[in-house]
């Protein structure tokens, strides 16, 4: 299927920002205004938005391949944080790994459960699904690999990230690695807002908008069907504002928490709007 034009993430804030003067000038806000009362505005991870998010989740992209390659280097079970509907969980299970998939959203985990029900029994038997908060979890075991992908770290505030690092350290095996990605803007002269049509796994075509001014501390992603029915039926519109966490600040936070960065790998070509970096970290205390 076609890959999303921008990485999708879970919501950090409600879509209420579209009532502000600034938001009203965006292409996405104008599109929502065109729909009027038909628009059912929701977040990407709630009951309405989760199926759309899942339809666009890709299982064959540079981030997924890089994480699978990194995990393949050493054996052992994997803890997949903010696992969602299984973007990393399912490929990991397919390699024969035991995976614990942790996510706060019951709606996203329900989608993962549906996919596990369709999977071979050997895969289902190696997956443990946990509904919990990635900023404070206690599983009573350790892992040689803990993953946090798709820029999910930016969904947490400072206190939440501190709790995440603390929980990760408590669950890392001796010599274990915490692998995570960070998303930054890779261009300085691009437009504040982009719009694209993307096709989901089920064949549905979506309009995907991203409002991300250079230097801004957040970006807004909006997703809706590109060809809604011509009648007066409701149209699901997913929109969320997501914080932006730059690489230097993240590395400083990791070091203070007791996690040392051992490698950095750029996963996107230089100059692209979205610069995704994969960090490999190990406990220093």
C-alpha atoms as a PDB file:
ATOM      1  CA  UNK A   1       0.000   0.000   0.000  1.00  0.00           C
ATOM      2  CA  UNK A   2       1.034   3.620  -0.284  1.00  0.00           C
ATOM      3  CA  UNK A   3       2.979   4.957   2.676  1.00  0.00           C
ATOM      4  CA  UNK A   4       1.721   8.044   4.521  1.00  0.00           C
ATOM      5  CA  UNK A   5       3.231  11.338   3.422  1.00  0.00           C
ATOM      6  CA  UNK A   6       3.915  12.177   7.074  1.00  0.00           C
ATOM      7  CA  UNK A   7       4.449   9.898  10.093  1.00  0.00           C
ATOM      8  CA  UNK A   8       1.230   9.451  12.042  1.00  0.00           C
ATOM      9  CA  UNK A   9       1.204   9.408  15.812  1.00  0.00           C
ATOM     10  CA  UNK A  10      -1.178   9.193  18.695  1.00  0.00           C
ATOM     11  CA  UNK A  11      -2.835  12.415  19.941  1.00  0.00           C
ATOM     12  CA  UNK A  12      -1.325  14.705  22.513  1.00  0.00           C
ATOM     13  CA  UNK A  13      -4.091  17.304  22.526  1.00  0.00           C
ATOM     14  CA  UNK A  14      -7.694  17.665  21.418  1.00  0.00           C
ATOM     15  CA  UNK A  15      -8.587  19.146  18.027  1.00  0.00           C
ATOM     16  CA  UNK A  16      -9.916  22.275  19.703  1.00  0.00           C
ATOM     17  CA  UNK A  17      -7.032  24.261  18.204  1.00  0.00           C
ATOM     18  CA  UNK A  18      -8.980  24.554  14.983  1.00  0.00           C
ATOM     19  CA  UNK A  19     -11.183  27.181  16.577  1.00  0.00           C
ATOM     20  CA  UNK A  20      -8.251  29.592  16.883  1.00  0.00           C
ATOM     21  CA  UNK A  21      -7.536  32.347  14.389  1.00  0.00           C
ATOM     22  CA  UNK A  22      -4.255  30.762  13.300  1.00  0.00           C
ATOM     23  CA  UNK A  23      -5.762  27.315  12.715  1.00  0.00           C
ATOM     24  CA  UNK A  24      -8.638  28.830  10.745  1.00  0.00           C
ATOM     25  CA  UNK A  25      -6.176  29.860   8.032  1.00  0.00           C
ATOM     26  CA  UNK A  26      -4.941  26.317   7.356  1.00  0.00           C
ATOM     27  CA  UNK A  27      -5.984  24.189   4.403  1.00  0.00           C
ATOM     28  CA  UNK A  28      -7.147  21.473   6.784  1.00  0.00           C
ATOM     29  CA  UNK A  29      -9.390  23.866   8.713  1.00  0.00           C
ATOM     30  CA  UNK A  30     -10.939  25.120   5.489  1.00  0.00           C
ATOM     31  CA  UNK A  31     -11.627  21.529   4.433  1.00  0.00           C
ATOM     32  CA  UNK A  32     -13.301  20.811   7.761  1.00  0.00           C
ATOM     33  CA  UNK A  33     -15.355  23.999   7.410  1.00  0.00           C
ATOM     34  CA  UNK A  34     -16.552  22.808   3.989  1.00  0.00           C
ATOM     35  CA  UNK A  35     -17.974  19.678   5.605  1.00  0.00           C
ATOM     36  CA  UNK A  36     -19.866  21.735   8.176  1.00  0.00           C
ATOM     37  CA  UNK A  37     -22.047  19.683  10.517  1.00  0.00           C
ATOM     38  CA  UNK A  38     -21.090  16.487   8.697  1.00  0.00           C
ATOM     39  CA  UNK A  39     -17.580  16.529  10.191  1.00  0.00           C
ATOM     40  CA  UNK A  40     -17.125  14.165  13.125  1.00  0.00           C
ATOM     41  CA  UNK A  41     -13.827  15.481  14.486  1.00  0.00           C
ATOM     42  CA  UNK A  42     -11.851  12.977  16.555  1.00  0.00           C
ATOM     43  CA  UNK A  43      -8.326  11.953  17.535  1.00  0.00           C
ATOM     44  CA  UNK A  44      -6.219   9.391  15.693  1.00  0.00           C
ATOM     45  CA  UNK A  45      -6.231   6.899  18.559  1.00  0.00           C
ATOM     46  CA  UNK A  46      -9.857   6.984  19.723  1.00  0.00           C
ATOM     47  CA  UNK A  47     -12.754   4.779  18.653  1.00  0.00           C
ATOM     48  CA  UNK A  48     -13.462   6.744  15.451  1.00  0.00           C
ATOM     49  CA  UNK A  49      -9.881   7.505  14.471  1.00  0.00           C
ATOM     50  CA  UNK A  50      -8.163   4.209  15.254  1.00  0.00           C
ATOM     51  CA  UNK A  51      -9.482   2.326  12.186  1.00  0.00           C
ATOM     52  CA  UNK A  52      -8.264   5.113   9.855  1.00  0.00           C
ATOM     53  CA  UNK A  53      -4.875   5.209  11.549  1.00  0.00           C
ATOM     54  CA  UNK A  54      -4.597   1.446  11.301  1.00  0.00           C
ATOM     55  CA  UNK A  55      -5.568   1.466   7.621  1.00  0.00           C
ATOM     56  CA  UNK A  56      -2.572   3.713   6.878  1.00  0.00           C
ATOM     57  CA  UNK A  57      -0.069   1.954   9.160  1.00  0.00           C
ATOM     58  CA  UNK A  58       2.694   0.473   7.020  1.00  0.00           C
ATOM     59  CA  UNK A  59       4.627  -2.663   7.904  1.00  0.00           C
ATOM     60  CA  UNK A  60       7.371  -2.128   5.327  1.00  0.00           C
ATOM     61  CA  UNK A  61       9.088   1.223   5.799  1.00  0.00           C
ATOM     62  CA  UNK A  62      12.627   2.330   6.737  1.00  0.00           C
ATOM     63  CA  UNK A  63      11.786   2.680  10.420  1.00  0.00           C
ATOM     64  CA  UNK A  64      10.283  -0.803  10.743  1.00  0.00           C
ATOM     65  CA  UNK A  65      13.109  -2.398   8.775  1.00  0.00           C
ATOM     66  CA  UNK A  66      15.758  -0.592  10.846  1.00  0.00           C
ATOM     67  CA  UNK A  67      14.210  -1.698  14.142  1.00  0.00           C
ATOM     68  CA  UNK A  68      13.895  -5.292  12.969  1.00  0.00           C
ATOM     69  CA  UNK A  69      17.526  -5.278  11.870  1.00  0.00           C
ATOM     70  CA  UNK A  70      18.668  -3.857  15.210  1.00  0.00           C
ATOM     71  CA  UNK A  71      16.717  -6.438  17.196  1.00  0.00           C
ATOM     72  CA  UNK A  72      17.930  -9.281  14.996  1.00  0.00           C
ATOM     73  CA  UNK A  73      21.495  -8.772  16.241  1.00  0.00           C
ATOM     74  CA  UNK A  74      20.796 -10.419  19.607  1.00  0.00           C
ATOM     75  CA  UNK A  75      18.193 -12.942  20.807  1.00  0.00           C
ATOM     76  CA  UNK A  76      15.500 -12.513  23.413  1.00  0.00           C
ATOM     77  CA  UNK A  77      12.009 -11.112  23.976  1.00  0.00           C
ATOM     78  CA  UNK A  78      10.977  -7.597  22.943  1.00  0.00           C
ATOM     79  CA  UNK A  79       8.903  -4.965  24.729  1.00  0.00           C
ATOM     80  CA  UNK A  80       7.067  -2.851  22.141  1.00  0.00           C
ATOM     81  CA  UNK A  81       5.956   0.409  23.801  1.00  0.00           C
ATOM     82  CA  UNK A  82       3.066   2.415  22.302  1.00  0.00           C
ATOM     83  CA  UNK A  83       2.478  -0.676  20.179  1.00  0.00           C
ATOM     84  CA  UNK A  84      -0.829   0.534  18.762  1.00  0.00           C
ATOM     85  CA  UNK A  85      -2.389  -1.875  16.282  1.00  0.00           C
ATOM     86  CA  UNK A  86       0.867  -3.781  15.838  1.00  0.00           C
ATOM     87  CA  UNK A  87       3.001  -1.954  13.287  1.00  0.00           C
ATOM     88  CA  UNK A  88       6.167  -3.348  14.885  1.00  0.00           C
ATOM     89  CA  UNK A  89       4.595  -6.127  16.966  1.00  0.00           C
ATOM     90  CA  UNK A  90       3.413  -8.236  14.033  1.00  0.00           C
ATOM     91  CA  UNK A  91       6.663  -8.138  12.013  1.00  0.00           C
ATOM     92  CA  UNK A  92       8.581  -8.980  15.195  1.00  0.00           C
ATOM     93  CA  UNK A  93       6.309 -11.948  15.875  1.00  0.00           C
ATOM     94  CA  UNK A  94       6.819 -13.071  12.281  1.00  0.00           C
ATOM     95  CA  UNK A  95      10.562 -13.351  12.964  1.00  0.00           C
ATOM     96  CA  UNK A  96       9.871 -15.769  15.819  1.00  0.00           C
ATOM     97  CA  UNK A  97      10.335 -13.323  18.713  1.00  0.00           C
ATOM     98  CA  UNK A  98       8.322 -13.217  21.911  1.00  0.00           C
ATOM     99  CA  UNK A  99       6.743  -9.748  22.080  1.00  0.00           C
ATOM    100  CA  UNK A 100       4.979  -7.813  24.817  1.00  0.00           C
ATOM    101  CA  UNK A 101       2.820  -5.118  23.176  1.00  0.00           C
ATOM    102  CA  UNK A 102       1.980  -2.243  25.535  1.00  0.00           C
ATOM    103  CA  UNK A 103      -0.374   0.613  24.692  1.00  0.00           C
ATOM    104  CA  UNK A 104      -2.766   2.892  26.572  1.00  0.00           C
ATOM    105  CA  UNK A 105      -5.484   2.920  23.883  1.00  0.00           C
ATOM    106  CA  UNK A 106      -8.072   0.157  24.183  1.00  0.00           C
ATOM    107  CA  UNK A 107      -9.272   0.962  20.666  1.00  0.00           C
ATOM    108  CA  UNK A 108      -5.848   0.437  19.122  1.00  0.00           C
ATOM    109  CA  UNK A 109      -5.245  -2.755  21.117  1.00  0.00           C
ATOM    110  CA  UNK A 110      -8.606  -4.071  19.937  1.00  0.00           C
ATOM    111  CA  UNK A 111      -7.356  -3.706  16.356  1.00  0.00           C
ATOM    112  CA  UNK A 112      -4.175  -5.561  17.311  1.00  0.00           C
ATOM    113  CA  UNK A 113      -6.291  -8.278  18.897  1.00  0.00           C
ATOM    114  CA  UNK A 114      -8.277  -8.697  15.691  1.00  0.00           C
ATOM    115  CA  UNK A 115      -5.071  -9.198  13.716  1.00  0.00           C
ATOM    116  CA  UNK A 116      -3.715 -11.652  16.274  1.00  0.00           C
ATOM    117  CA  UNK A 117      -6.948 -13.644  16.032  1.00  0.00           C
ATOM    118  CA  UNK A 118      -6.265 -14.059  12.308  1.00  0.00           C
ATOM    119  CA  UNK A 119      -2.595 -14.964  12.811  1.00  0.00           C
ATOM    120  CA  UNK A 120      -1.237 -18.497  13.204  1.00  0.00           C
ATOM    121  CA  UNK A 121      -1.492 -19.927  16.712  1.00  0.00           C
ATOM    122  CA  UNK A 122       2.307 -19.976  16.959  1.00  0.00           C
ATOM    123  CA  UNK A 123       2.389 -16.173  16.586  1.00  0.00           C
ATOM    124  CA  UNK A 124      -0.506 -15.537  18.969  1.00  0.00           C
ATOM    125  CA  UNK A 125       1.145 -17.662  21.614  1.00  0.00           C
ATOM    126  CA  UNK A 126       4.251 -15.478  21.597  1.00  0.00           C
ATOM    127  CA  UNK A 127       2.411 -12.181  22.087  1.00  0.00           C
ATOM    128  CA  UNK A 128       1.380 -10.642  25.403  1.00  0.00           C
ATOM    129  CA  UNK A 129      -0.906  -7.616  25.103  1.00  0.00           C
ATOM    130  CA  UNK A 130      -0.876  -5.085  27.952  1.00  0.00           C
ATOM    131  CA  UNK A 131      -3.029  -1.977  28.288  1.00  0.00           C
ATOM    132  CA  UNK A 132      -0.925   0.436  30.305  1.00  0.00           C
ATOM    133  CA  UNK A 133       0.696   3.865  30.369  1.00  0.00           C
ATOM    134  CA  UNK A 134       4.196   3.924  28.862  1.00  0.00           C
ATOM    135  CA  UNK A 135       5.176   6.672  31.319  1.00  0.00           C
ATOM    136  CA  UNK A 136       4.627   4.390  34.314  1.00  0.00           C
ATOM    137  CA  UNK A 137       4.442   0.649  33.884  1.00  0.00           C
ATOM    138  CA  UNK A 138       5.571  -2.330  35.956  1.00  0.00           C
ATOM    139  CA  UNK A 139       5.609  -5.716  34.219  1.00  0.00           C
ATOM    140  CA  UNK A 140       7.703  -7.670  36.715  1.00  0.00           C
ATOM    141  CA  UNK A 141      10.276  -8.803  34.155  1.00  0.00           C
ATOM    142  CA  UNK A 142      13.133  -7.480  32.032  1.00  0.00           C
ATOM    143  CA  UNK A 143      13.825  -7.404  28.295  1.00  0.00           C
ATOM    144  CA  UNK A 144      16.997  -7.256  26.189  1.00  0.00           C
ATOM    145  CA  UNK A 145      15.114  -5.060  23.692  1.00  0.00           C
ATOM    146  CA  UNK A 146      12.665  -2.228  24.370  1.00  0.00           C
ATOM    147  CA  UNK A 147      11.287  -0.288  21.388  1.00  0.00           C
ATOM    148  CA  UNK A 148       9.525   3.055  21.085  1.00  0.00           C
ATOM    149  CA  UNK A 149       8.872   4.067  17.509  1.00  0.00           C
ATOM    150  CA  UNK A 150       6.852   6.449  15.327  1.00  0.00           C
ATOM    151  CA  UNK A 151       7.868   9.483  17.385  1.00  0.00           C
ATOM    152  CA  UNK A 152       5.635   8.385  20.279  1.00  0.00           C
ATOM    153  CA  UNK A 153       7.977   9.992  22.802  1.00  0.00           C
ATOM    154  CA  UNK A 154       6.688  13.411  21.745  1.00  0.00           C
ATOM    155  CA  UNK A 155       3.273  12.476  23.149  1.00  0.00           C
ATOM    156  CA  UNK A 156       4.606  12.831  26.685  1.00  0.00           C
ATOM    157  CA  UNK A 157       5.350  15.992  28.631  1.00  0.00           C
ATOM    158  CA  UNK A 158       8.535  16.424  30.672  1.00  0.00           C
ATOM    159  CA  UNK A 159       7.203  14.501  33.685  1.00  0.00           C
ATOM    160  CA  UNK A 160       5.852  11.767  31.423  1.00  0.00           C
ATOM    161  CA  UNK A 161       9.186  11.329  29.686  1.00  0.00           C
ATOM    162  CA  UNK A 162      10.987  11.173  33.023  1.00  0.00           C
ATOM    163  CA  UNK A 163       8.613   8.413  34.090  1.00  0.00           C
ATOM    164  CA  UNK A 164       9.157   6.590  30.796  1.00  0.00           C
ATOM    165  CA  UNK A 165      12.937   6.603  31.181  1.00  0.00           C
ATOM    166  CA  UNK A 166      12.602   5.359  34.756  1.00  0.00           C
ATOM    167  CA  UNK A 167      10.281   2.540  33.685  1.00  0.00           C
ATOM    168  CA  UNK A 168      12.526   1.575  30.769  1.00  0.00           C
ATOM    169  CA  UNK A 169      15.577   1.325  33.031  1.00  0.00           C
ATOM    170  CA  UNK A 170      13.643  -0.899  35.427  1.00  0.00           C
ATOM    171  CA  UNK A 171      12.752  -3.270  32.577  1.00  0.00           C
ATOM    172  CA  UNK A 172      16.071  -3.463  30.692  1.00  0.00           C
ATOM    173  CA  UNK A 173      18.060  -6.658  31.065  1.00  0.00           C
ATOM    174  CA  UNK A 174      21.767  -6.311  31.817  1.00  0.00           C
ATOM    175  CA  UNK A 175      23.329  -5.138  28.573  1.00  0.00           C
ATOM    176  CA  UNK A 176      19.873  -4.542  27.089  1.00  0.00           C
ATOM    177  CA  UNK A 177      19.086  -1.774  24.608  1.00  0.00           C
ATOM    178  CA  UNK A 178      16.355   0.841  24.378  1.00  0.00           C
ATOM    179  CA  UNK A 179      15.684   1.748  20.730  1.00  0.00           C
ATOM    180  CA  UNK A 180      13.670   4.851  19.915  1.00  0.00           C
ATOM    181  CA  UNK A 181      13.095   7.291  17.082  1.00  0.00           C
ATOM    182  CA  UNK A 182      12.802  11.062  17.003  1.00  0.00           C
ATOM    183  CA  UNK A 183      11.157  13.169  14.301  1.00  0.00           C
ATOM    184  CA  UNK A 184      12.476  16.627  13.371  1.00  0.00           C
ATOM    185  CA  UNK A 185      11.949  18.960  10.433  1.00  0.00           C
ATOM    186  CA  UNK A 186      14.661  18.292   7.908  1.00  0.00           C
ATOM    187  CA  UNK A 187      14.101  21.372   5.751  1.00  0.00           C
ATOM    188  CA  UNK A 188      14.125  25.043   6.666  1.00  0.00           C
ATOM    189  CA  UNK A 189      12.485  26.549   3.583  1.00  0.00           C
ATOM    190  CA  UNK A 190       9.518  24.240   3.033  1.00  0.00           C
ATOM    191  CA  UNK A 191       5.872  25.286   3.343  1.00  0.00           C
ATOM    192  CA  UNK A 192       4.181  25.553   6.721  1.00  0.00           C
ATOM    193  CA  UNK A 193       1.489  23.137   5.571  1.00  0.00           C
ATOM    194  CA  UNK A 194       1.518  20.151   3.225  1.00  0.00           C
ATOM    195  CA  UNK A 195      -1.382  18.208   1.720  1.00  0.00           C
ATOM    196  CA  UNK A 196      -1.329  14.840  -0.001  1.00  0.00           C
ATOM    197  CA  UNK A 197      -3.576  11.971  -1.035  1.00  0.00           C
ATOM    198  CA  UNK A 198      -2.581   8.594   0.424  1.00  0.00           C
ATOM    199  CA  UNK A 199      -4.077   5.143  -0.034  1.00  0.00           C
ATOM    200  CA  UNK A 200      -4.744   2.775   2.849  1.00  0.00           C
ATOM    201  CA  UNK A 201      -4.419  -1.003   2.926  1.00  0.00           C
ATOM    202  CA  UNK A 202      -8.137  -1.385   2.272  1.00  0.00           C
ATOM    203  CA  UNK A 203      -8.022   0.802  -0.838  1.00  0.00           C
ATOM    204  CA  UNK A 204      -9.529   3.928   0.734  1.00  0.00           C
ATOM    205  CA  UNK A 205      -7.956   7.177  -0.430  1.00  0.00           C
ATOM    206  CA  UNK A 206      -7.421   9.825   2.242  1.00  0.00           C
ATOM    207  CA  UNK A 207      -6.531  13.491   2.362  1.00  0.00           C
ATOM    208  CA  UNK A 208      -3.579  13.967   4.718  1.00  0.00           C
ATOM    209  CA  UNK A 209      -2.631  17.437   5.949  1.00  0.00           C
ATOM    210  CA  UNK A 210       0.291  18.458   8.119  1.00  0.00           C
ATOM    211  CA  UNK A 211       0.742  21.962   9.523  1.00  0.00           C
ATOM    212  CA  UNK A 212       4.309  22.323  10.827  1.00  0.00           C
ATOM    213  CA  UNK A 213       5.953  25.764  10.609  1.00  0.00           C
ATOM    214  CA  UNK A 214       9.754  25.638  10.783  1.00  0.00           C
ATOM    215  CA  UNK A 215      10.878  26.082  14.379  1.00  0.00           C
ATOM    216  CA  UNK A 216       7.431  25.382  15.845  1.00  0.00           C
ATOM    217  CA  UNK A 217       7.176  23.333  19.028  1.00  0.00           C
ATOM    218  CA  UNK A 218       4.292  21.254  17.656  1.00  0.00           C
ATOM    219  CA  UNK A 219       2.762  20.027  14.407  1.00  0.00           C
ATOM    220  CA  UNK A 220      -0.852  19.253  13.514  1.00  0.00           C
ATOM    221  CA  UNK A 221      -1.874  16.219  11.455  1.00  0.00           C
ATOM    222  CA  UNK A 222      -5.350  15.933   9.899  1.00  0.00           C
ATOM    223  CA  UNK A 223      -6.737  12.889   8.088  1.00  0.00           C
ATOM    224  CA  UNK A 224     -10.081  12.360   6.343  1.00  0.00           C
ATOM    225  CA  UNK A 225     -11.504  10.385   3.409  1.00  0.00           C
ATOM    226  CA  UNK A 226     -10.711  12.026   0.077  1.00  0.00           C
ATOM    227  CA  UNK A 227     -14.091  11.156  -1.431  1.00  0.00           C
ATOM    228  CA  UNK A 228     -16.777  11.270   1.268  1.00  0.00           C
ATOM    229  CA  UNK A 229     -20.345  10.294   0.285  1.00  0.00           C
ATOM    230  CA  UNK A 230     -22.318  12.946  -1.573  1.00  0.00           C
ATOM    231  CA  UNK A 231     -25.240  12.662   0.838  1.00  0.00           C
ATOM    232  CA  UNK A 232     -25.494  14.237   4.301  1.00  0.00           C
ATOM    233  CA  UNK A 233     -23.922  11.313   6.172  1.00  0.00           C
ATOM    234  CA  UNK A 234     -21.211  12.038   8.785  1.00  0.00           C
ATOM    235  CA  UNK A 235     -17.539  12.188   7.748  1.00  0.00           C
ATOM    236  CA  UNK A 236     -14.813  11.115  10.186  1.00  0.00           C
ATOM    237  CA  UNK A 237     -12.047  13.722  10.438  1.00  0.00           C
ATOM    238  CA  UNK A 238      -9.016  12.796  12.554  1.00  0.00           C
ATOM    239  CA  UNK A 239      -6.875  15.684  13.743  1.00  0.00           C
ATOM    240  CA  UNK A 240      -4.278  16.028  16.494  1.00  0.00           C
ATOM    241  CA  UNK A 241      -1.621  18.467  17.603  1.00  0.00           C
ATOM    242  CA  UNK A 242       1.617  16.682  18.500  1.00  0.00           C
ATOM    243  CA  UNK A 243       4.599  18.172  20.314  1.00  0.00           C
ATOM    244  CA  UNK A 244       8.020  18.292  18.639  1.00  0.00           C
ATOM    245  CA  UNK A 245      11.089  17.135  20.587  1.00  0.00           C
ATOM    246  CA  UNK A 246      14.460  17.896  18.986  1.00  0.00           C
ATOM    247  CA  UNK A 247      17.394  15.494  19.060  1.00  0.00           C
ATOM    248  CA  UNK A 248      19.800  17.514  21.287  1.00  0.00           C
ATOM    249  CA  UNK A 249      17.160  17.945  23.990  1.00  0.00           C
ATOM    250  CA  UNK A 250      16.207  14.274  23.818  1.00  0.00           C
ATOM    251  CA  UNK A 251      19.810  13.118  24.121  1.00  0.00           C
ATOM    252  CA  UNK A 252      20.336  15.411  27.119  1.00  0.00           C
ATOM    253  CA  UNK A 253      17.246  13.984  28.828  1.00  0.00           C
ATOM    254  CA  UNK A 254      18.367  10.425  28.150  1.00  0.00           C
ATOM    255  CA  UNK A 255      21.832  11.086  29.591  1.00  0.00           C
ATOM    256  CA  UNK A 256      20.419  12.651  32.758  1.00  0.00           C
ATOM    257  CA  UNK A 257      18.064   9.691  33.212  1.00  0.00           C
ATOM    258  CA  UNK A 258      20.885   7.128  32.982  1.00  0.00           C
ATOM    259  CA  UNK A 259      20.578   6.084  29.341  1.00  0.00           C
ATOM    260  CA  UNK A 260      23.620   6.534  27.113  1.00  0.00           C
ATOM    261  CA  UNK A 261      23.255   6.906  23.333  1.00  0.00           C
ATOM    262  CA  UNK A 262      25.517   4.328  21.671  1.00  0.00           C
ATOM    263  CA  UNK A 263      24.512   4.957  18.052  1.00  0.00           C
ATOM    264  CA  UNK A 264      22.493   7.300  15.850  1.00  0.00           C
ATOM    265  CA  UNK A 265      21.147   6.308  12.456  1.00  0.00           C
ATOM    266  CA  UNK A 266      19.425   8.704  10.071  1.00  0.00           C
ATOM    267  CA  UNK A 267      16.516   6.870   8.438  1.00  0.00           C
ATOM    268  CA  UNK A 268      15.435   9.552   5.962  1.00  0.00           C
ATOM    269  CA  UNK A 269      17.344  11.154   3.066  1.00  0.00           C
ATOM    270  CA  UNK A 270      18.995  14.517   3.862  1.00  0.00           C
ATOM    271  CA  UNK A 271      16.847  17.551   3.107  1.00  0.00           C
ATOM    272  CA  UNK A 272      13.474  15.836   3.350  1.00  0.00           C
ATOM    273  CA  UNK A 273      10.750  17.548   5.370  1.00  0.00           C
ATOM    274  CA  UNK A 274      10.731  14.723   7.929  1.00  0.00           C
ATOM    275  CA  UNK A 275      14.079  13.797   9.446  1.00  0.00           C
ATOM    276  CA  UNK A 276      13.751  10.548  11.394  1.00  0.00           C
ATOM    277  CA  UNK A 277      16.664   9.365  13.527  1.00  0.00           C
ATOM    278  CA  UNK A 278      16.932   5.998  15.252  1.00  0.00           C
ATOM    279  CA  UNK A 279      18.755   6.086  18.582  1.00  0.00           C
ATOM    280  CA  UNK A 280      20.210   3.040  20.313  1.00  0.00           C
ATOM    281  CA  UNK A 281      20.738   3.503  24.057  1.00  0.00           C
ATOM    282  CA  UNK A 282      22.030   1.451  26.964  1.00  0.00           C
ATOM    283  CA  UNK A 283      21.793   1.885  30.715  1.00  0.00           C
ATOM    284  CA  UNK A 284      24.715   3.687  32.328  1.00  0.00           C
ATOM    285  CA  UNK A 285      23.616   3.001  35.883  1.00  0.00           C
END
